[in-house]
Amino acid sequence: MPANSKHLSGPVQRAAKISAGFLGGYFVTNSLFMTLSLWLDQASTMVTLIFGGFIVWAGLMVCAFLFKNGWWACLTYLLVAGVFSLIFYMHQPTI
């Protein structure tokens, strides 16, 4: 039995959710681990990014489909990645 069409999203919304999950999840994951490297050991944080980053990224890809609107998913991931990046770049040591 096929799904009820009122619960399905259109092709544009589906593309927005896929791109938010794929690209936005990647940017949020990398900016999160970059920010964590400020307070933790940088080498161990980057090694953790190699292994644990995939799990975080996959979780963020799934979470993008929980949004009703794909554009909100894109905006949310962009803002979260922006906040993490801003924290990272504002706390860089000055030489």
PDB file of N, CA and C in Angstrom:
ATOM      1  N   MET A   1       0.843  -1.172   0.000  1.00  0.00           N
ATOM      2  CA  MET A   1       0.000   0.000   0.000  1.00  0.00           C
ATOM      3  C   MET A   1       0.893   1.241   0.000  1.00  0.00           C
ATOM      4  N   PRO A   2       0.706   2.138  -0.957  1.00  0.00           N
ATOM      5  CA  PRO A   2       1.564   3.325  -1.027  1.00  0.00           C
ATOM      6  C   PRO A   2       1.256   4.304   0.107  1.00  0.00           C
ATOM      7  N   ALA A   3       2.228   5.178   0.351  1.00  0.00           N
ATOM      8  CA  ALA A   3       2.065   6.177   1.402  1.00  0.00           C
ATOM      9  C   ALA A   3       1.022   7.212   1.005  1.00  0.00           C
ATOM     10  N   ASN A   4       0.430   7.821   1.995  1.00  0.00           N
ATOM     11  CA  ASN A   4      -0.533   8.880   1.771  1.00  0.00           C
ATOM     12  C   ASN A   4       0.207  10.091   1.193  1.00  0.00           C
ATOM     13  N   SER A   5      -0.275  10.640   0.111  1.00  0.00           N
ATOM     14  CA  SER A   5       0.442  11.705  -0.594  1.00  0.00           C
ATOM     15  C   SER A   5       0.554  12.984   0.229  1.00  0.00           C
ATOM     16  N   LYS A   6      -0.298  13.188   1.210  1.00  0.00           N
ATOM     17  CA  LYS A   6      -0.197  14.411   2.013  1.00  0.00           C
ATOM     18  C   LYS A   6       1.017  14.378   2.937  1.00  0.00           C
ATOM     19  N   HIS A   7       1.598  13.201   3.164  1.00  0.00           N
ATOM     20  CA  HIS A   7       2.774  13.082   4.018  1.00  0.00           C
ATOM     21  C   HIS A   7       4.078  13.126   3.224  1.00  0.00           C
ATOM     22  N   LEU A   8       3.991  13.146   1.913  1.00  0.00           N
ATOM     23  CA  LEU A   8       5.179  13.161   1.069  1.00  0.00           C
ATOM     24  C   LEU A   8       5.534  14.594   0.700  1.00  0.00           C
ATOM     25  N   SER A   9       6.822  14.872   0.585  1.00  0.00           N
ATOM     26  CA  SER A   9       7.246  16.205   0.185  1.00  0.00           C
ATOM     27  C   SER A   9       7.508  16.234  -1.313  1.00  0.00           C
ATOM     28  N   GLY A  10       7.473  17.428  -1.871  1.00  0.00           N
ATOM     29  CA  GLY A  10       7.688  17.592  -3.303  1.00  0.00           C
ATOM     30  C   GLY A  10       9.159  17.407  -3.665  1.00  0.00           C
ATOM     31  N   PRO A  11       9.463  17.418  -4.953  1.00  0.00           N
ATOM     32  CA  PRO A  11      10.843  17.190  -5.378  1.00  0.00           C
ATOM     33  C   PRO A  11      11.805  18.302  -4.949  1.00  0.00           C
ATOM     34  N   VAL A  12      11.325  19.538  -4.878  1.00  0.00           N
ATOM     35  CA  VAL A  12      12.203  20.633  -4.453  1.00  0.00           C
ATOM     36  C   VAL A  12      12.526  20.501  -2.968  1.00  0.00           C
ATOM     37  N   GLN A  13      11.501  20.175  -2.162  1.00  0.00           N
ATOM     38  CA  GLN A  13      11.736  19.994  -0.736  1.00  0.00           C
ATOM     39  C   GLN A  13      12.641  18.790  -0.469  1.00  0.00           C
ATOM     40  N   ARG A  14      12.448  17.752  -1.240  1.00  0.00           N
ATOM     41  CA  ARG A  14      13.282  16.564  -1.091  1.00  0.00           C
ATOM     42  C   ARG A  14      14.735  16.883  -1.424  1.00  0.00           C
ATOM     43  N   ALA A  15      14.956  17.640  -2.483  1.00  0.00           N
ATOM     44  CA  ALA A  15      16.315  18.036  -2.863  1.00  0.00           C
ATOM     45  C   ALA A  15      16.934  18.943  -1.810  1.00  0.00           C
ATOM     46  N   ALA A  16      16.133  19.834  -1.224  1.00  0.00           N
ATOM     47  CA  ALA A  16      16.645  20.719  -0.179  1.00  0.00           C
ATOM     48  C   ALA A  16      17.034  19.923   1.062  1.00  0.00           C
ATOM     49  N   LYS A  17      16.237  18.923   1.410  1.00  0.00           N
ATOM     50  CA  LYS A  17      16.566  18.095   2.576  1.00  0.00           C
ATOM     51  C   LYS A  17      17.806  17.247   2.321  1.00  0.00           C
ATOM     52  N   ILE A  18      17.935  16.724   1.125  1.00  0.00           N
ATOM     53  CA  ILE A  18      19.110  15.912   0.798  1.00  0.00           C
ATOM     54  C   ILE A  18      20.370  16.767   0.817  1.00  0.00           C
ATOM     55  N   SER A  19      20.299  17.941   0.216  1.00  0.00           N
ATOM     56  CA  SER A  19      21.483  18.809   0.209  1.00  0.00           C
ATOM     57  C   SER A  19      21.803  19.327   1.608  1.00  0.00           C
ATOM     58  N   ALA A  20      20.773  19.616   2.402  1.00  0.00           N
ATOM     59  CA  ALA A  20      21.019  20.045   3.780  1.00  0.00           C
ATOM     60  C   ALA A  20      21.654  18.920   4.583  1.00  0.00           C
ATOM     61  N   GLY A  21      21.156  17.713   4.406  1.00  0.00           N
ATOM     62  CA  GLY A  21      21.728  16.588   5.139  1.00  0.00           C
ATOM     63  C   GLY A  21      23.135  16.270   4.705  1.00  0.00           C
ATOM     64  N   PHE A  22      23.378  16.302   3.407  1.00  0.00           N
ATOM     65  CA  PHE A  22      24.693  15.921   2.907  1.00  0.00           C
ATOM     66  C   PHE A  22      25.723  17.024   3.141  1.00  0.00           C
ATOM     67  N   LEU A  23      25.487  18.204   2.588  1.00  0.00           N
ATOM     68  CA  LEU A  23      26.459  19.288   2.710  1.00  0.00           C
ATOM     69  C   LEU A  23      26.402  19.986   4.070  1.00  0.00           C
ATOM     70  N   GLY A  24      25.189  20.295   4.520  1.00  0.00           N
ATOM     71  CA  GLY A  24      25.051  20.969   5.805  1.00  0.00           C
ATOM     72  C   GLY A  24      25.542  20.120   6.954  1.00  0.00           C
ATOM     73  N   GLY A  25      25.242  18.824   6.911  1.00  0.00           N
ATOM     74  CA  GLY A  25      25.741  17.923   7.949  1.00  0.00           C
ATOM     75  C   GLY A  25      27.254  17.850   7.952  1.00  0.00           C
ATOM     76  N   TYR A  26      27.850  17.868   6.766  1.00  0.00           N
ATOM     77  CA  TYR A  26      29.313  17.856   6.656  1.00  0.00           C
ATOM     78  C   TYR A  26      29.919  19.126   7.253  1.00  0.00           C
ATOM     79  N   PHE A  27      29.338  20.286   6.918  1.00  0.00           N
ATOM     80  CA  PHE A  27      29.862  21.550   7.435  1.00  0.00           C
ATOM     81  C   PHE A  27      29.680  21.660   8.944  1.00  0.00           C
ATOM     82  N   VAL A  28      28.539  21.230   9.453  1.00  0.00           N
ATOM     83  CA  VAL A  28      28.304  21.283  10.895  1.00  0.00           C
ATOM     84  C   VAL A  28      29.275  20.349  11.614  1.00  0.00           C
ATOM     85  N   THR A  29      29.483  19.154  11.083  1.00  0.00           N
ATOM     86  CA  THR A  29      30.391  18.210  11.714  1.00  0.00           C
ATOM     87  C   THR A  29      31.815  18.745  11.761  1.00  0.00           C
ATOM     88  N   ASN A  30      32.305  19.261  10.647  1.00  0.00           N
ATOM     89  CA  ASN A  30      33.670  19.781  10.625  1.00  0.00           C
ATOM     90  C   ASN A  30      33.835  21.010  11.506  1.00  0.00           C
ATOM     91  N   SER A  31      32.883  21.910  11.486  1.00  0.00           N
ATOM     92  CA  SER A  31      33.000  23.102  12.323  1.00  0.00           C
ATOM     93  C   SER A  31      32.873  22.749  13.807  1.00  0.00           C
ATOM     94  N   LEU A  32      32.071  21.737  14.129  1.00  0.00           N
ATOM     95  CA  LEU A  32      31.978  21.285  15.516  1.00  0.00           C
ATOM     96  C   LEU A  32      33.314  20.749  16.006  1.00  0.00           C
ATOM     97  N   PHE A  33      33.947  19.898  15.233  1.00  0.00           N
ATOM     98  CA  PHE A  33      35.210  19.325  15.663  1.00  0.00           C
ATOM     99  C   PHE A  33      36.336  20.357  15.646  1.00  0.00           C
ATOM    100  N   MET A  34      36.277  21.324  14.742  1.00  0.00           N
ATOM    101  CA  MET A  34      37.263  22.402  14.769  1.00  0.00           C
ATOM    102  C   MET A  34      37.120  23.231  16.041  1.00  0.00           C
ATOM    103  N   THR A  35      35.894  23.487  16.450  1.00  0.00           N
ATOM    104  CA  THR A  35      35.660  24.241  17.677  1.00  0.00           C
ATOM    105  C   THR A  35      36.082  23.434  18.896  1.00  0.00           C
ATOM    106  N   LEU A  36      35.819  22.143  18.883  1.00  0.00           N
ATOM    107  CA  LEU A  36      36.259  21.306  20.004  1.00  0.00           C
ATOM    108  C   LEU A  36      37.774  21.256  20.116  1.00  0.00           C
ATOM    109  N   SER A  37      38.467  21.407  18.991  1.00  0.00           N
ATOM    110  CA  SER A  37      39.927  21.365  19.029  1.00  0.00           C
ATOM    111  C   SER A  37      40.523  22.572  19.738  1.00  0.00           C
ATOM    112  N   LEU A  38      39.731  23.617  19.963  1.00  0.00           N
ATOM    113  CA  LEU A  38      40.221  24.765  20.720  1.00  0.00           C
ATOM    114  C   LEU A  38      40.444  24.410  22.175  1.00  0.00           C
ATOM    115  N   TRP A  39      39.573  23.580  22.731  1.00  0.00           N
ATOM    116  CA  TRP A  39      39.613  23.284  24.152  1.00  0.00           C
ATOM    117  C   TRP A  39      40.226  21.925  24.463  1.00  0.00           C
ATOM    118  N   LEU A  40      40.268  21.046  23.497  1.00  0.00           N
ATOM    119  CA  LEU A  40      40.845  19.722  23.684  1.00  0.00           C
ATOM    120  C   LEU A  40      42.141  19.627  22.894  1.00  0.00           C
ATOM    121  N   ASP A  41      42.835  18.532  23.054  1.00  0.00           N
ATOM    122  CA  ASP A  41      44.066  18.314  22.306  1.00  0.00           C
ATOM    123  C   ASP A  41      43.753  18.265  20.818  1.00  0.00           C
ATOM    124  N   GLN A  42      44.465  19.052  20.027  1.00  0.00           N
ATOM    125  CA  GLN A  42      44.147  19.168  18.604  1.00  0.00           C
ATOM    126  C   GLN A  42      44.358  17.867  17.853  1.00  0.00           C
ATOM    127  N   ALA A  43      45.433  17.161  18.151  1.00  0.00           N
ATOM    128  CA  ALA A  43      45.721  15.927  17.418  1.00  0.00           C
ATOM    129  C   ALA A  43      44.670  14.864  17.698  1.00  0.00           C
ATOM    130  N   SER A  44      44.317  14.708  18.950  1.00  0.00           N
ATOM    131  CA  SER A  44      43.328  13.674  19.279  1.00  0.00           C
ATOM    132  C   SER A  44      41.932  14.055  18.787  1.00  0.00           C
ATOM    133  N   THR A  45      41.641  15.341  18.747  1.00  0.00           N
ATOM    134  CA  THR A  45      40.344  15.775  18.238  1.00  0.00           C
ATOM    135  C   THR A  45      40.230  15.500  16.737  1.00  0.00           C
ATOM    136  N   MET A  46      41.296  15.721  16.003  1.00  0.00           N
ATOM    137  CA  MET A  46      41.259  15.457  14.569  1.00  0.00           C
ATOM    138  C   MET A  46      41.203  13.962  14.275  1.00  0.00           C
ATOM    139  N   VAL A  47      41.849  13.145  15.091  1.00  0.00           N
ATOM    140  CA  VAL A  47      41.737  11.691  14.922  1.00  0.00           C
ATOM    141  C   VAL A  47      40.312  11.246  15.243  1.00  0.00           C
ATOM    142  N   THR A  48      39.711  11.858  16.249  1.00  0.00           N
ATOM    143  CA  THR A  48      38.320  11.547  16.573  1.00  0.00           C
ATOM    144  C   THR A  48      37.392  11.972  15.441  1.00  0.00           C
ATOM    145  N   LEU A  49      37.722  13.068  14.767  1.00  0.00           N
ATOM    146  CA  LEU A  49      36.925  13.508  13.621  1.00  0.00           C
ATOM    147  C   LEU A  49      36.918  12.458  12.521  1.00  0.00           C
ATOM    148  N   ILE A  50      38.041  11.801  12.320  1.00  0.00           N
ATOM    149  CA  ILE A  50      38.121  10.789  11.268  1.00  0.00           C
ATOM    150  C   ILE A  50      37.129   9.661  11.532  1.00  0.00           C
ATOM    151  N   PHE A  51      37.044   9.222  12.769  1.00  0.00           N
ATOM    152  CA  PHE A  51      36.180   8.081  13.082  1.00  0.00           C
ATOM    153  C   PHE A  51      34.790   8.505  13.564  1.00  0.00           C
ATOM    154  N   GLY A  52      34.726   9.385  14.531  1.00  0.00           N
ATOM    155  CA  GLY A  52      33.442   9.794  15.091  1.00  0.00           C
ATOM    156  C   GLY A  52      32.699  10.792  14.242  1.00  0.00           C
ATOM    157  N   GLY A  53      33.424  11.483  13.378  1.00  0.00           N
ATOM    158  CA  GLY A  53      32.784  12.471  12.522  1.00  0.00           C
ATOM    159  C   GLY A  53      31.790  11.856  11.563  1.00  0.00           C
ATOM    160  N   PHE A  54      32.092  10.652  11.105  1.00  0.00           N
ATOM    161  CA  PHE A  54      31.157   9.983  10.197  1.00  0.00           C
ATOM    162  C   PHE A  54      29.841   9.675  10.900  1.00  0.00           C
ATOM    163  N   ILE A  55      29.904   9.298  12.158  1.00  0.00           N
ATOM    164  CA  ILE A  55      28.684   8.993  12.917  1.00  0.00           C
ATOM    165  C   ILE A  55      27.862  10.262  13.123  1.00  0.00           C
ATOM    166  N   VAL A  56      28.527  11.363  13.469  1.00  0.00           N
ATOM    167  CA  VAL A  56      27.822  12.635  13.649  1.00  0.00           C
ATOM    168  C   VAL A  56      27.211  13.089  12.331  1.00  0.00           C
ATOM    169  N   TRP A  57      27.982  12.964  11.256  1.00  0.00           N
ATOM    170  CA  TRP A  57      27.505  13.372   9.928  1.00  0.00           C
ATOM    171  C   TRP A  57      26.295  12.547   9.499  1.00  0.00           C
ATOM    172  N   ALA A  58      26.355  11.236   9.727  1.00  0.00           N
ATOM    173  CA  ALA A  58      25.223  10.374   9.366  1.00  0.00           C
ATOM    174  C   ALA A  58      23.987  10.729  10.190  1.00  0.00           C
ATOM    175  N   GLY A  59      24.181  11.033  11.472  1.00  0.00           N
ATOM    176  CA  GLY A  59      23.053  11.446  12.308  1.00  0.00           C
ATOM    177  C   GLY A  59      22.442  12.750  11.841  1.00  0.00           C
ATOM    178  N   LEU A  60      23.285  13.685  11.416  1.00  0.00           N
ATOM    179  CA  LEU A  60      22.767  14.955  10.901  1.00  0.00           C
ATOM    180  C   LEU A  60      22.068  14.780   9.564  1.00  0.00           C
ATOM    181  N   MET A  61      22.511  13.811   8.775  1.00  0.00           N
ATOM    182  CA  MET A  61      21.815  13.539   7.510  1.00  0.00           C
ATOM    183  C   MET A  61      20.407  13.033   7.771  1.00  0.00           C
ATOM    184  N   VAL A  62      20.250  12.186   8.765  1.00  0.00           N
ATOM    185  CA  VAL A  62      18.928  11.666   9.112  1.00  0.00           C
ATOM    186  C   VAL A  62      18.067  12.780   9.711  1.00  0.00           C
ATOM    187  N   CYS A  63      18.677  13.618  10.542  1.00  0.00           N
ATOM    188  CA  CYS A  63      17.911  14.693  11.195  1.00  0.00           C
ATOM    189  C   CYS A  63      17.366  15.709  10.196  1.00  0.00           C
ATOM    190  N   ALA A  64      18.008  15.846   9.051  1.00  0.00           N
ATOM    191  CA  ALA A  64      17.505  16.791   8.046  1.00  0.00           C
ATOM    192  C   ALA A  64      16.128  16.384   7.543  1.00  0.00           C
ATOM    193  N   PHE A  65      15.820  15.107   7.560  1.00  0.00           N
ATOM    194  CA  PHE A  65      14.522  14.648   7.080  1.00  0.00           C
ATOM    195  C   PHE A  65      13.433  14.762   8.137  1.00  0.00           C
ATOM    196  N   LEU A  66      13.786  15.167   9.352  1.00  0.00           N
ATOM    197  CA  LEU A  66      12.781  15.394  10.382  1.00  0.00           C
ATOM    198  C   LEU A  66      12.111  16.754  10.240  1.00  0.00           C
ATOM    199  N   PHE A  67      12.730  17.650   9.482  1.00  0.00           N
ATOM    200  CA  PHE A  67      12.140  18.968   9.241  1.00  0.00           C
ATOM    201  C   PHE A  67      10.984  18.841   8.257  1.00  0.00           C
ATOM    202  N   LYS A  68       9.949  19.622   8.466  1.00  0.00           N
ATOM    203  CA  LYS A  68       8.835  19.632   7.518  1.00  0.00           C
ATOM    204  C   LYS A  68       9.206  20.401   6.254  1.00  0.00           C
ATOM    205  N   ASN A  69      10.037  21.417   6.417  1.00  0.00           N
ATOM    206  CA  ASN A  69      10.443  22.250   5.296  1.00  0.00           C
ATOM    207  C   ASN A  69      11.949  22.088   5.091  1.00  0.00           C
ATOM    208  N   GLY A  70      12.362  21.755   3.896  1.00  0.00           N
ATOM    209  CA  GLY A  70      13.774  21.547   3.603  1.00  0.00           C
ATOM    210  C   GLY A  70      14.601  22.812   3.706  1.00  0.00           C
ATOM    211  N   TRP A  71      13.967  23.968   3.438  1.00  0.00           N
ATOM    212  CA  TRP A  71      14.706  25.218   3.521  1.00  0.00           C
ATOM    213  C   TRP A  71      15.037  25.556   4.968  1.00  0.00           C
ATOM    214  N   TRP A  72      14.176  25.159   5.903  1.00  0.00           N
ATOM    215  CA  TRP A  72      14.491  25.370   7.318  1.00  0.00           C
ATOM    216  C   TRP A  72      15.664  24.498   7.745  1.00  0.00           C
ATOM    217  N   ALA A  73      15.750  23.312   7.196  1.00  0.00           N
ATOM    218  CA  ALA A  73      16.890  22.433   7.488  1.00  0.00           C
ATOM    219  C   ALA A  73      18.179  23.065   6.983  1.00  0.00           C
ATOM    220  N   CYS A  74      18.142  23.603   5.751  1.00  0.00           N
ATOM    221  CA  CYS A  74      19.324  24.273   5.190  1.00  0.00           C
ATOM    222  C   CYS A  74      19.725  25.469   6.047  1.00  0.00           C
ATOM    223  N   LEU A  75      18.750  26.285   6.404  1.00  0.00           N
ATOM    224  CA  LEU A  75      19.029  27.474   7.199  1.00  0.00           C
ATOM    225  C   LEU A  75      19.559  27.113   8.582  1.00  0.00           C
ATOM    226  N   THR A  76      18.966  26.114   9.217  1.00  0.00           N
ATOM    227  CA  THR A  76      19.407  25.702  10.543  1.00  0.00           C
ATOM    228  C   THR A  76      20.833  25.182  10.512  1.00  0.00           C
ATOM    229  N   TYR A  77      21.139  24.326   9.561  1.00  0.00           N
ATOM    230  CA  TYR A  77      22.499  23.788   9.467  1.00  0.00           C
ATOM    231  C   TYR A  77      23.500  24.883   9.125  1.00  0.00           C
ATOM    232  N   LEU A  78      23.103  25.820   8.290  1.00  0.00           N
ATOM    233  CA  LEU A  78      23.992  26.920   7.947  1.00  0.00           C
ATOM    234  C   LEU A  78      24.263  27.797   9.167  1.00  0.00           C
ATOM    235  N   LEU A  79      23.247  28.080   9.947  1.00  0.00           N
ATOM    236  CA  LEU A  79      23.432  28.898  11.148  1.00  0.00           C
ATOM    237  C   LEU A  79      24.278  28.186  12.202  1.00  0.00           C
ATOM    238  N   VAL A  80      24.034  26.904  12.402  1.00  0.00           N
ATOM    239  CA  VAL A  80      24.820  26.160  13.393  1.00  0.00           C
ATOM    240  C   VAL A  80      26.282  26.085  12.968  1.00  0.00           C
ATOM    241  N   ALA A  81      26.532  25.798  11.701  1.00  0.00           N
ATOM    242  CA  ALA A  81      27.911  25.770  11.207  1.00  0.00           C
ATOM    243  C   ALA A  81      28.545  27.153  11.304  1.00  0.00           C
ATOM    244  N   GLY A  82      27.778  28.194  11.041  1.00  0.00           N
ATOM    245  CA  GLY A  82      28.286  29.556  11.161  1.00  0.00           C
ATOM    246  C   GLY A  82      28.649  29.926  12.584  1.00  0.00           C
ATOM    247  N   VAL A  83      27.828  29.504  13.540  1.00  0.00           N
ATOM    248  CA  VAL A  83      28.126  29.787  14.947  1.00  0.00           C
ATOM    249  C   VAL A  83      29.393  29.064  15.377  1.00  0.00           C
ATOM    250  N   PHE A  84      29.516  27.786  15.030  1.00  0.00           N
ATOM    251  CA  PHE A  84      30.729  27.047  15.384  1.00  0.00           C
ATOM    252  C   PHE A  84      31.962  27.648  14.721  1.00  0.00           C
ATOM    253  N   SER A  85      31.836  28.047  13.463  1.00  0.00           N
ATOM    254  CA  SER A  85      32.964  28.647  12.760  1.00  0.00           C
ATOM    255  C   SER A  85      33.336  29.997  13.354  1.00  0.00           C
ATOM    256  N   LEU A  86      32.332  30.776  13.727  1.00  0.00           N
ATOM    257  CA  LEU A  86      32.593  32.063  14.350  1.00  0.00           C
ATOM    258  C   LEU A  86      33.324  31.885  15.676  1.00  0.00           C
ATOM    259  N   ILE A  87      32.895  30.938  16.484  1.00  0.00           N
ATOM    260  CA  ILE A  87      33.581  30.644  17.744  1.00  0.00           C
ATOM    261  C   ILE A  87      35.020  30.240  17.474  1.00  0.00           C
ATOM    262  N   PHE A  88      35.221  29.402  16.466  1.00  0.00           N
ATOM    263  CA  PHE A  88      36.563  28.929  16.156  1.00  0.00           C
ATOM    264  C   PHE A  88      37.470  30.077  15.716  1.00  0.00           C
ATOM    265  N   TYR A  89      36.995  30.921  14.820  1.00  0.00           N
ATOM    266  CA  TYR A  89      37.837  31.992  14.298  1.00  0.00           C
ATOM    267  C   TYR A  89      38.018  33.144  15.271  1.00  0.00           C
ATOM    268  N   MET A  90      37.090  33.348  16.187  1.00  0.00           N
ATOM    269  CA  MET A  90      37.246  34.417  17.182  1.00  0.00           C
ATOM    270  C   MET A  90      38.220  34.023  18.286  1.00  0.00           C
ATOM    271  N   HIS A  91      38.442  32.734  18.494  1.00  0.00           N
ATOM    272  CA  HIS A  91      39.343  32.281  19.555  1.00  0.00           C
ATOM    273  C   HIS A  91      40.705  31.849  19.043  1.00  0.00           C
ATOM    274  N   GLN A  92      41.050  32.256  17.851  1.00  0.00           N
ATOM    275  CA  GLN A  92      42.369  31.938  17.328  1.00  0.00           C
ATOM    276  C   GLN A  92      43.416  32.795  18.055  1.00  0.00           C
ATOM    277  N   PRO A  93      44.550  32.198  18.394  1.00  0.00           N
ATOM    278  CA  PRO A  93      45.583  32.995  19.073  1.00  0.00           C
ATOM    279  C   PRO A  93      46.186  34.017  18.111  1.00  0.00           C
ATOM    280  N   THR A  94      46.457  35.181  18.623  1.00  0.00           N
ATOM    281  CA  THR A  94      47.070  36.224  17.799  1.00  0.00           C
ATOM    282  C   THR A  94      48.578  36.130  17.920  1.00  0.00           C
ATOM    283  N   ILE A  95      49.231  36.372  16.811  1.00  0.00           N
ATOM    284  CA  ILE A  95      50.709  36.259  16.805  1.00  0.00           C
ATOM    285  C   ILE A  95      51.314  37.634  16.746  1.00  0.00           C
TER     286      ILE A  95
END
